[in-house]
């Protein structure tokens, strides 16, 4: 974690936006003034990042699947009724769709340390992110680049582990915290996937959503009673002037890369 905190301590960026100067339409020989890094969102970060960023693009990571196996007693639950939030579980054949945010300077990382690590019980790793679309000037679909990844460890106090969908649904329907109802967390994430990535598969997420809706109907819980203020819509993939047809093929192969100054 100390290495992550020190990403912006040096003059040299740990990972300079995968040829970021060309990507931004400026001279590739001129480095960016402020070092930048990318963060992958697969849970509430998809619809409520809570920090400033310069770009947001949709895509996926490999080797993980999304599961609601992390408890939550601070934001979407309490100690008496812990909520359930998303984490990532290693799976060699897994694909997890979400979005990557480009951030510059330490402020956003400090915020994420508090939100994800201190309150959420997550640790920091990094992996490769595969953008979903390509531009005419920078055809990067399938070309992976490193992103920071916040993932729950089974050693943290709020870890729940494998749990049936029926049990997860029951906990989600009964839980709410200072950030709102646990149902909202689930529904906002499902809405993001449905609207932004309509062809992507996530059986765990959508089956859980369906079970929660049935429980809400049985308990006569109105949707408006559990949903907070509608978040501001995020403009994703906004850097693109020309989009190529979106492909959900996972055939690209890229060499291993590591972040400079980020030895995690």
C-alpha atoms as a PDB file:
ATOM      1  CA  UNK A   1       0.000   0.000   0.000  1.00  0.00           C
ATOM      2  CA  UNK A   2       2.888   2.380   0.709  1.00  0.00           C
ATOM      3  CA  UNK A   3       4.031   2.078  -2.895  1.00  0.00           C
ATOM      4  CA  UNK A   4       0.582   3.050  -4.111  1.00  0.00           C
ATOM      5  CA  UNK A   5       0.570   6.090  -1.839  1.00  0.00           C
ATOM      6  CA  UNK A   6       3.907   7.154  -3.329  1.00  0.00           C
ATOM      7  CA  UNK A   7       2.829   6.905  -6.969  1.00  0.00           C
ATOM      8  CA  UNK A   8       2.884  10.680  -7.384  1.00  0.00           C
ATOM      9  CA  UNK A   9       5.841  11.339  -5.105  1.00  0.00           C
ATOM     10  CA  UNK A  10       8.399  11.131  -7.915  1.00  0.00           C
ATOM     11  CA  UNK A  11       8.770  13.318 -10.949  1.00  0.00           C
ATOM     12  CA  UNK A  12       8.470  10.261 -13.169  1.00  0.00           C
ATOM     13  CA  UNK A  13       4.968   8.848 -13.629  1.00  0.00           C
ATOM     14  CA  UNK A  14       4.553   5.163 -12.734  1.00  0.00           C
ATOM     15  CA  UNK A  15       2.649   4.602 -15.922  1.00  0.00           C
ATOM     16  CA  UNK A  16       2.252   7.455 -18.312  1.00  0.00           C
ATOM     17  CA  UNK A  17      -1.183   6.807 -19.809  1.00  0.00           C
ATOM     18  CA  UNK A  18      -0.065   4.138 -22.344  1.00  0.00           C
ATOM     19  CA  UNK A  19       1.474   6.624 -24.775  1.00  0.00           C
ATOM     20  CA  UNK A  20      -0.780   9.229 -23.204  1.00  0.00           C
ATOM     21  CA  UNK A  21       0.554  12.158 -25.195  1.00  0.00           C
ATOM     22  CA  UNK A  22      -0.435  10.573 -28.492  1.00  0.00           C
ATOM     23  CA  UNK A  23      -3.729   9.541 -26.931  1.00  0.00           C
ATOM     24  CA  UNK A  24      -4.442  13.148 -26.012  1.00  0.00           C
ATOM     25  CA  UNK A  25      -3.592  14.455 -29.435  1.00  0.00           C
ATOM     26  CA  UNK A  26      -0.396  16.274 -28.441  1.00  0.00           C
ATOM     27  CA  UNK A  27       3.264  15.792 -29.263  1.00  0.00           C
ATOM     28  CA  UNK A  28       4.250  12.339 -28.038  1.00  0.00           C
ATOM     29  CA  UNK A  29       7.726  13.599 -27.163  1.00  0.00           C
ATOM     30  CA  UNK A  30       6.360  16.001 -24.580  1.00  0.00           C
ATOM     31  CA  UNK A  31       5.485  14.311 -21.260  1.00  0.00           C
ATOM     32  CA  UNK A  32       2.355  15.211 -19.342  1.00  0.00           C
ATOM     33  CA  UNK A  33       2.920  17.825 -16.646  1.00  0.00           C
ATOM     34  CA  UNK A  34       1.149  15.770 -13.954  1.00  0.00           C
ATOM     35  CA  UNK A  35       1.752  12.025 -13.556  1.00  0.00           C
ATOM     36  CA  UNK A  36      -1.381   9.953 -14.015  1.00  0.00           C
ATOM     37  CA  UNK A  37      -2.637   6.478 -13.265  1.00  0.00           C
ATOM     38  CA  UNK A  38      -5.759   4.478 -14.135  1.00  0.00           C
ATOM     39  CA  UNK A  39      -8.138   2.908 -11.597  1.00  0.00           C
ATOM     40  CA  UNK A  40     -10.573   0.095 -12.450  1.00  0.00           C
ATOM     41  CA  UNK A  41     -14.139   0.349 -11.162  1.00  0.00           C
ATOM     42  CA  UNK A  42     -16.382  -2.723 -10.976  1.00  0.00           C
ATOM     43  CA  UNK A  43     -18.714  -1.870  -8.073  1.00  0.00           C
ATOM     44  CA  UNK A  44     -19.977   1.485  -6.858  1.00  0.00           C
ATOM     45  CA  UNK A  45     -17.117   3.225  -8.674  1.00  0.00           C
ATOM     46  CA  UNK A  46     -18.969   2.430 -11.919  1.00  0.00           C
ATOM     47  CA  UNK A  47     -21.751   4.862 -11.088  1.00  0.00           C
ATOM     48  CA  UNK A  48     -20.451   6.904  -8.156  1.00  0.00           C
ATOM     49  CA  UNK A  49     -16.671   7.465  -8.340  1.00  0.00           C
ATOM     50  CA  UNK A  50     -16.661  10.320  -5.839  1.00  0.00           C
ATOM     51  CA  UNK A  51     -13.353  11.724  -7.109  1.00  0.00           C
ATOM     52  CA  UNK A  52     -12.151  13.899  -9.954  1.00  0.00           C
ATOM     53  CA  UNK A  53     -10.885  12.199 -13.094  1.00  0.00           C
ATOM     54  CA  UNK A  54      -9.872  13.249 -16.572  1.00  0.00           C
ATOM     55  CA  UNK A  55     -11.147  10.278 -18.590  1.00  0.00           C
ATOM     56  CA  UNK A  56     -13.463   7.324 -18.154  1.00  0.00           C
ATOM     57  CA  UNK A  57     -13.550   4.387 -20.543  1.00  0.00           C
ATOM     58  CA  UNK A  58     -15.404   1.083 -20.438  1.00  0.00           C
ATOM     59  CA  UNK A  59     -13.734  -2.294 -20.789  1.00  0.00           C
ATOM     60  CA  UNK A  60     -12.842  -5.460 -18.944  1.00  0.00           C
ATOM     61  CA  UNK A  61     -10.192  -7.298 -16.968  1.00  0.00           C
ATOM     62  CA  UNK A  62      -9.368 -10.980 -17.169  1.00  0.00           C
ATOM     63  CA  UNK A  63      -8.773 -13.574 -14.498  1.00  0.00           C
ATOM     64  CA  UNK A  64     -11.511 -12.408 -12.126  1.00  0.00           C
ATOM     65  CA  UNK A  65     -15.271 -12.736 -11.633  1.00  0.00           C
ATOM     66  CA  UNK A  66     -17.474 -10.302  -9.705  1.00  0.00           C
ATOM     67  CA  UNK A  67     -19.122 -11.650  -6.566  1.00  0.00           C
ATOM     68  CA  UNK A  68     -21.073 -10.059  -3.708  1.00  0.00           C
ATOM     69  CA  UNK A  69     -18.967 -11.839  -1.107  1.00  0.00           C
ATOM     70  CA  UNK A  70     -17.729  -8.814   0.828  1.00  0.00           C
ATOM     71  CA  UNK A  71     -19.691  -7.614   3.844  1.00  0.00           C
ATOM     72  CA  UNK A  72     -20.215  -3.936   4.537  1.00  0.00           C
ATOM     73  CA  UNK A  73     -20.976  -2.312   7.882  1.00  0.00           C
ATOM     74  CA  UNK A  74     -20.016   1.271   7.112  1.00  0.00           C
ATOM     75  CA  UNK A  75     -21.607   2.415   3.855  1.00  0.00           C
ATOM     76  CA  UNK A  76     -24.372  -0.018   2.855  1.00  0.00           C
ATOM     77  CA  UNK A  77     -25.002  -1.792   6.150  1.00  0.00           C
ATOM     78  CA  UNK A  78     -24.467  -1.769   9.902  1.00  0.00           C
ATOM     79  CA  UNK A  79     -22.826  -4.076  12.421  1.00  0.00           C
ATOM     80  CA  UNK A  80     -26.263  -5.493  13.230  1.00  0.00           C
ATOM     81  CA  UNK A  81     -27.246  -5.928   9.594  1.00  0.00           C
ATOM     82  CA  UNK A  82     -24.175  -6.011   7.358  1.00  0.00           C
ATOM     83  CA  UNK A  83     -24.728  -5.344   3.684  1.00  0.00           C
ATOM     84  CA  UNK A  84     -23.168  -7.169   0.755  1.00  0.00           C
ATOM     85  CA  UNK A  85     -20.999  -5.427  -1.826  1.00  0.00           C
ATOM     86  CA  UNK A  86     -18.988  -6.525  -4.822  1.00  0.00           C
ATOM     87  CA  UNK A  87     -15.460  -7.838  -4.836  1.00  0.00           C
ATOM     88  CA  UNK A  88     -13.434  -9.868  -7.312  1.00  0.00           C
ATOM     89  CA  UNK A  89     -12.619 -13.569  -7.076  1.00  0.00           C
ATOM     90  CA  UNK A  90      -9.769 -15.055  -9.070  1.00  0.00           C
ATOM     91  CA  UNK A  91     -10.911 -17.246 -11.948  1.00  0.00           C
ATOM     92  CA  UNK A  92      -8.600 -18.205 -14.817  1.00  0.00           C
ATOM     93  CA  UNK A  93     -11.444 -18.043 -17.321  1.00  0.00           C
ATOM     94  CA  UNK A  94     -13.132 -15.038 -15.722  1.00  0.00           C
ATOM     95  CA  UNK A  95     -13.995 -11.746 -17.371  1.00  0.00           C
ATOM     96  CA  UNK A  96     -15.200  -8.725 -15.388  1.00  0.00           C
ATOM     97  CA  UNK A  97     -16.583  -5.677 -17.153  1.00  0.00           C
ATOM     98  CA  UNK A  98     -16.457  -2.195 -15.690  1.00  0.00           C
ATOM     99  CA  UNK A  99     -14.771   1.118 -16.374  1.00  0.00           C
ATOM    100  CA  UNK A 100     -11.363   2.696 -15.889  1.00  0.00           C
ATOM    101  CA  UNK A 101     -10.791   6.220 -14.628  1.00  0.00           C
ATOM    102  CA  UNK A 102      -7.692   8.244 -15.364  1.00  0.00           C
ATOM    103  CA  UNK A 103      -6.657  10.256 -12.321  1.00  0.00           C
ATOM    104  CA  UNK A 104      -3.806  12.690 -11.783  1.00  0.00           C
ATOM    105  CA  UNK A 105      -2.251  13.764  -8.505  1.00  0.00           C
ATOM    106  CA  UNK A 106      -2.613  12.138  -5.061  1.00  0.00           C
ATOM    107  CA  UNK A 107      -6.023  13.506  -4.018  1.00  0.00           C
ATOM    108  CA  UNK A 108      -8.128  10.798  -5.655  1.00  0.00           C
ATOM    109  CA  UNK A 109      -5.876   8.034  -4.329  1.00  0.00           C
ATOM    110  CA  UNK A 110      -6.136   9.443  -0.814  1.00  0.00           C
ATOM    111  CA  UNK A 111      -9.912   9.420  -1.169  1.00  0.00           C
ATOM    112  CA  UNK A 112      -9.902   5.837  -2.440  1.00  0.00           C
ATOM    113  CA  UNK A 113      -7.632   4.745   0.399  1.00  0.00           C
ATOM    114  CA  UNK A 114     -10.228   5.989   2.878  1.00  0.00           C
ATOM    115  CA  UNK A 115     -13.285   4.719   0.969  1.00  0.00           C
ATOM    116  CA  UNK A 116     -12.039   1.355  -0.232  1.00  0.00           C
ATOM    117  CA  UNK A 117      -9.285   0.369   2.189  1.00  0.00           C
ATOM    118  CA  UNK A 118     -10.031   1.879   5.604  1.00  0.00           C
ATOM    119  CA  UNK A 119     -13.829   1.678   5.394  1.00  0.00           C
ATOM    120  CA  UNK A 120     -14.307  -1.120   2.885  1.00  0.00           C
ATOM    121  CA  UNK A 121     -11.555  -3.553   3.842  1.00  0.00           C
ATOM    122  CA  UNK A 122     -10.042  -3.721   0.360  1.00  0.00           C
ATOM    123  CA  UNK A 123      -6.399  -4.056  -0.639  1.00  0.00           C
ATOM    124  CA  UNK A 124      -4.675  -2.645  -3.710  1.00  0.00           C
ATOM    125  CA  UNK A 125      -3.310  -4.656  -6.599  1.00  0.00           C
ATOM    126  CA  UNK A 126      -2.987  -4.022 -10.301  1.00  0.00           C
ATOM    127  CA  UNK A 127      -3.940  -5.853 -13.441  1.00  0.00           C
ATOM    128  CA  UNK A 128      -4.408  -5.328 -17.186  1.00  0.00           C
ATOM    129  CA  UNK A 129      -7.418  -3.449 -18.506  1.00  0.00           C
ATOM    130  CA  UNK A 130      -8.769  -4.028 -22.017  1.00  0.00           C
ATOM    131  CA  UNK A 131     -10.629  -1.014 -23.466  1.00  0.00           C
ATOM    132  CA  UNK A 132     -13.896  -1.826 -25.181  1.00  0.00           C
ATOM    133  CA  UNK A 133     -13.706   0.551 -28.135  1.00  0.00           C
ATOM    134  CA  UNK A 134     -11.159   2.124 -30.446  1.00  0.00           C
ATOM    135  CA  UNK A 135     -10.598   5.480 -32.060  1.00  0.00           C
ATOM    136  CA  UNK A 136      -9.480   6.193 -35.558  1.00  0.00           C
ATOM    137  CA  UNK A 137      -6.251   7.804 -34.308  1.00  0.00           C
ATOM    138  CA  UNK A 138      -5.504   5.347 -31.527  1.00  0.00           C
ATOM    139  CA  UNK A 139      -6.870   1.840 -32.184  1.00  0.00           C
ATOM    140  CA  UNK A 140      -6.443   0.442 -28.692  1.00  0.00           C
ATOM    141  CA  UNK A 141      -9.268  -2.090 -28.510  1.00  0.00           C
ATOM    142  CA  UNK A 142      -7.813  -5.248 -27.017  1.00  0.00           C
ATOM    143  CA  UNK A 143      -4.490  -3.575 -26.197  1.00  0.00           C
ATOM    144  CA  UNK A 144      -4.206  -3.848 -22.437  1.00  0.00           C
ATOM    145  CA  UNK A 145      -2.709  -1.311 -20.076  1.00  0.00           C
ATOM    146  CA  UNK A 146      -2.203  -1.412 -16.276  1.00  0.00           C
ATOM    147  CA  UNK A 147      -4.876  -0.266 -13.833  1.00  0.00           C
ATOM    148  CA  UNK A 148      -5.033  -0.148 -10.058  1.00  0.00           C
ATOM    149  CA  UNK A 149      -7.493  -2.621  -8.620  1.00  0.00           C
ATOM    150  CA  UNK A 150      -9.193  -2.508  -5.221  1.00  0.00           C
ATOM    151  CA  UNK A 151     -10.100  -6.029  -4.165  1.00  0.00           C
ATOM    152  CA  UNK A 152     -11.295  -7.563  -0.893  1.00  0.00           C
ATOM    153  CA  UNK A 153      -8.954  -9.923   0.913  1.00  0.00           C
ATOM    154  CA  UNK A 154     -10.319 -12.951   2.741  1.00  0.00           C
ATOM    155  CA  UNK A 155      -8.283 -11.750   5.714  1.00  0.00           C
ATOM    156  CA  UNK A 156     -10.273  -8.549   6.251  1.00  0.00           C
ATOM    157  CA  UNK A 157     -12.840  -8.292   9.041  1.00  0.00           C
ATOM    158  CA  UNK A 158     -15.818  -7.860   6.724  1.00  0.00           C
ATOM    159  CA  UNK A 159     -15.091 -10.774   4.421  1.00  0.00           C
ATOM    160  CA  UNK A 160     -18.097 -13.081   4.001  1.00  0.00           C
ATOM    161  CA  UNK A 161     -16.908 -15.523   1.384  1.00  0.00           C
ATOM    162  CA  UNK A 162     -18.979 -17.792  -0.794  1.00  0.00           C
ATOM    163  CA  UNK A 163     -22.689 -17.440  -0.074  1.00  0.00           C
ATOM    164  CA  UNK A 164     -25.809 -18.596  -1.897  1.00  0.00           C
ATOM    165  CA  UNK A 165     -27.705 -16.097  -4.022  1.00  0.00           C
ATOM    166  CA  UNK A 166     -30.771 -16.557  -1.825  1.00  0.00           C
ATOM    167  CA  UNK A 167     -28.804 -15.654   1.297  1.00  0.00           C
ATOM    168  CA  UNK A 168     -27.142 -12.696  -0.413  1.00  0.00           C
ATOM    169  CA  UNK A 169     -30.508 -11.379  -1.580  1.00  0.00           C
ATOM    170  CA  UNK A 170     -31.944 -11.587   1.940  1.00  0.00           C
ATOM    171  CA  UNK A 171     -29.053  -9.632   3.427  1.00  0.00           C
ATOM    172  CA  UNK A 172     -29.195  -6.997   0.689  1.00  0.00           C
ATOM    173  CA  UNK A 173     -32.928  -6.413   1.159  1.00  0.00           C
ATOM    174  CA  UNK A 174     -32.501  -5.965   4.907  1.00  0.00           C
ATOM    175  CA  UNK A 175     -29.390  -3.766   4.930  1.00  0.00           C
ATOM    176  CA  UNK A 176     -28.811  -0.052   4.678  1.00  0.00           C
ATOM    177  CA  UNK A 177     -26.064   2.287   5.838  1.00  0.00           C
ATOM    178  CA  UNK A 178     -24.977   5.898   5.831  1.00  0.00           C
ATOM    179  CA  UNK A 179     -24.585   5.891   2.033  1.00  0.00           C
ATOM    180  CA  UNK A 180     -28.037   4.438   1.416  1.00  0.00           C
ATOM    181  CA  UNK A 181     -29.820   1.144   1.026  1.00  0.00           C
ATOM    182  CA  UNK A 182     -27.924  -1.939  -0.054  1.00  0.00           C
ATOM    183  CA  UNK A 183     -30.576  -2.526  -2.741  1.00  0.00           C
ATOM    184  CA  UNK A 184     -29.584   0.742  -4.386  1.00  0.00           C
ATOM    185  CA  UNK A 185     -25.963  -0.386  -4.617  1.00  0.00           C
ATOM    186  CA  UNK A 186     -27.005  -3.578  -6.419  1.00  0.00           C
ATOM    187  CA  UNK A 187     -29.527  -1.907  -8.727  1.00  0.00           C
ATOM    188  CA  UNK A 188     -27.227   0.968  -9.729  1.00  0.00           C
ATOM    189  CA  UNK A 189     -24.516  -1.518 -10.666  1.00  0.00           C
ATOM    190  CA  UNK A 190     -26.944  -3.667 -12.652  1.00  0.00           C
ATOM    191  CA  UNK A 191     -28.232  -0.549 -14.435  1.00  0.00           C
ATOM    192  CA  UNK A 192     -24.693   0.477 -15.358  1.00  0.00           C
ATOM    193  CA  UNK A 193     -24.059  -2.935 -16.888  1.00  0.00           C
ATOM    194  CA  UNK A 194     -27.370  -2.982 -18.720  1.00  0.00           C
ATOM    195  CA  UNK A 195     -27.029   0.516 -20.165  1.00  0.00           C
ATOM    196  CA  UNK A 196     -23.302   0.772 -20.806  1.00  0.00           C
ATOM    197  CA  UNK A 197     -22.421  -2.851 -21.582  1.00  0.00           C
ATOM    198  CA  UNK A 198     -25.636  -4.480 -22.789  1.00  0.00           C
ATOM    199  CA  UNK A 199     -23.913  -7.442 -24.456  1.00  0.00           C
ATOM    200  CA  UNK A 200     -21.674  -8.328 -21.497  1.00  0.00           C
ATOM    201  CA  UNK A 201     -22.536 -11.340 -19.340  1.00  0.00           C
ATOM    202  CA  UNK A 202     -22.697 -11.303 -15.543  1.00  0.00           C
ATOM    203  CA  UNK A 203     -25.041 -14.067 -14.385  1.00  0.00           C
ATOM    204  CA  UNK A 204     -24.196 -13.601 -10.706  1.00  0.00           C
ATOM    205  CA  UNK A 205     -25.149  -9.926 -10.787  1.00  0.00           C
ATOM    206  CA  UNK A 206     -28.359 -10.234 -12.765  1.00  0.00           C
ATOM    207  CA  UNK A 207     -29.630 -13.352 -11.006  1.00  0.00           C
ATOM    208  CA  UNK A 208     -29.040 -11.634  -7.685  1.00  0.00           C
ATOM    209  CA  UNK A 209     -30.893  -8.561  -8.928  1.00  0.00           C
ATOM    210  CA  UNK A 210     -33.867 -10.713  -9.944  1.00  0.00           C
ATOM    211  CA  UNK A 211     -33.985 -12.428  -6.532  1.00  0.00           C
ATOM    212  CA  UNK A 212     -33.903  -9.078  -4.739  1.00  0.00           C
ATOM    213  CA  UNK A 213     -36.773  -7.755  -6.867  1.00  0.00           C
ATOM    214  CA  UNK A 214     -38.852 -10.804  -5.958  1.00  0.00           C
ATOM    215  CA  UNK A 215     -38.134 -10.304  -2.262  1.00  0.00           C
ATOM    216  CA  UNK A 216     -39.063  -6.644  -2.559  1.00  0.00           C
ATOM    217  CA  UNK A 217     -42.356  -7.639  -4.161  1.00  0.00           C
ATOM    218  CA  UNK A 218     -43.071 -10.193  -1.426  1.00  0.00           C
ATOM    219  CA  UNK A 219     -42.287  -7.674   1.296  1.00  0.00           C
ATOM    220  CA  UNK A 220     -44.079  -4.871  -0.550  1.00  0.00           C
ATOM    221  CA  UNK A 221     -40.997  -2.647  -0.595  1.00  0.00           C
ATOM    222  CA  UNK A 222     -41.405   0.241  -3.032  1.00  0.00           C
ATOM    223  CA  UNK A 223     -38.493   1.011  -5.326  1.00  0.00           C
ATOM    224  CA  UNK A 224     -38.535   4.721  -4.517  1.00  0.00           C
ATOM    225  CA  UNK A 225     -38.127   3.896  -0.826  1.00  0.00           C
ATOM    226  CA  UNK A 226     -34.699   2.344  -1.343  1.00  0.00           C
ATOM    227  CA  UNK A 227     -33.225   4.436  -4.146  1.00  0.00           C
ATOM    228  CA  UNK A 228     -31.414   7.655  -3.312  1.00  0.00           C
ATOM    229  CA  UNK A 229     -30.799  10.637  -5.518  1.00  0.00           C
ATOM    230  CA  UNK A 230     -30.077   9.713  -9.115  1.00  0.00           C
ATOM    231  CA  UNK A 231     -26.336  10.144  -9.698  1.00  0.00           C
ATOM    232  CA  UNK A 232     -25.053  12.420 -12.410  1.00  0.00           C
ATOM    233  CA  UNK A 233     -24.605  10.504 -15.618  1.00  0.00           C
ATOM    234  CA  UNK A 234     -20.976   9.836 -16.405  1.00  0.00           C
ATOM    235  CA  UNK A 235     -19.770  10.536 -19.918  1.00  0.00           C
ATOM    236  CA  UNK A 236     -17.766   7.445 -20.763  1.00  0.00           C
ATOM    237  CA  UNK A 237     -15.480   6.809 -23.717  1.00  0.00           C
ATOM    238  CA  UNK A 238     -15.756  10.546 -24.315  1.00  0.00           C
ATOM    239  CA  UNK A 239     -12.258  10.828 -25.789  1.00  0.00           C
ATOM    240  CA  UNK A 240     -13.341   9.087 -28.953  1.00  0.00           C
ATOM    241  CA  UNK A 241     -14.076  10.953 -32.133  1.00  0.00           C
ATOM    242  CA  UNK A 242     -14.666   7.853 -34.227  1.00  0.00           C
ATOM    243  CA  UNK A 243     -15.781   4.554 -32.736  1.00  0.00           C
ATOM    244  CA  UNK A 244     -15.120   1.238 -34.363  1.00  0.00           C
ATOM    245  CA  UNK A 245     -17.690  -1.538 -34.017  1.00  0.00           C
ATOM    246  CA  UNK A 246     -17.631  -2.899 -30.476  1.00  0.00           C
ATOM    247  CA  UNK A 247     -16.259  -6.404 -30.171  1.00  0.00           C
ATOM    248  CA  UNK A 248     -16.683  -8.737 -27.240  1.00  0.00           C
ATOM    249  CA  UNK A 249     -14.060 -11.167 -28.487  1.00  0.00           C
ATOM    250  CA  UNK A 250     -11.270 -11.939 -26.043  1.00  0.00           C
ATOM    251  CA  UNK A 251      -8.565 -13.016 -28.460  1.00  0.00           C
ATOM    252  CA  UNK A 252      -5.928 -10.342 -27.926  1.00  0.00           C
ATOM    253  CA  UNK A 253      -2.576 -11.259 -26.500  1.00  0.00           C
ATOM    254  CA  UNK A 254      -0.255  -8.663 -24.991  1.00  0.00           C
ATOM    255  CA  UNK A 255       3.157  -8.877 -23.344  1.00  0.00           C
ATOM    256  CA  UNK A 256       3.474  -8.693 -19.581  1.00  0.00           C
ATOM    257  CA  UNK A 257       3.949  -5.141 -18.273  1.00  0.00           C
ATOM    258  CA  UNK A 258       4.612  -3.621 -14.869  1.00  0.00           C
ATOM    259  CA  UNK A 259       4.060  -0.172 -13.474  1.00  0.00           C
ATOM    260  CA  UNK A 260       7.223   1.782 -12.854  1.00  0.00           C
ATOM    261  CA  UNK A 261       7.486   2.881  -9.213  1.00  0.00           C
ATOM    262  CA  UNK A 262       4.494   0.687  -8.310  1.00  0.00           C
ATOM    263  CA  UNK A 263       5.992  -2.528  -7.003  1.00  0.00           C
ATOM    264  CA  UNK A 264       2.879  -4.304  -5.702  1.00  0.00           C
END
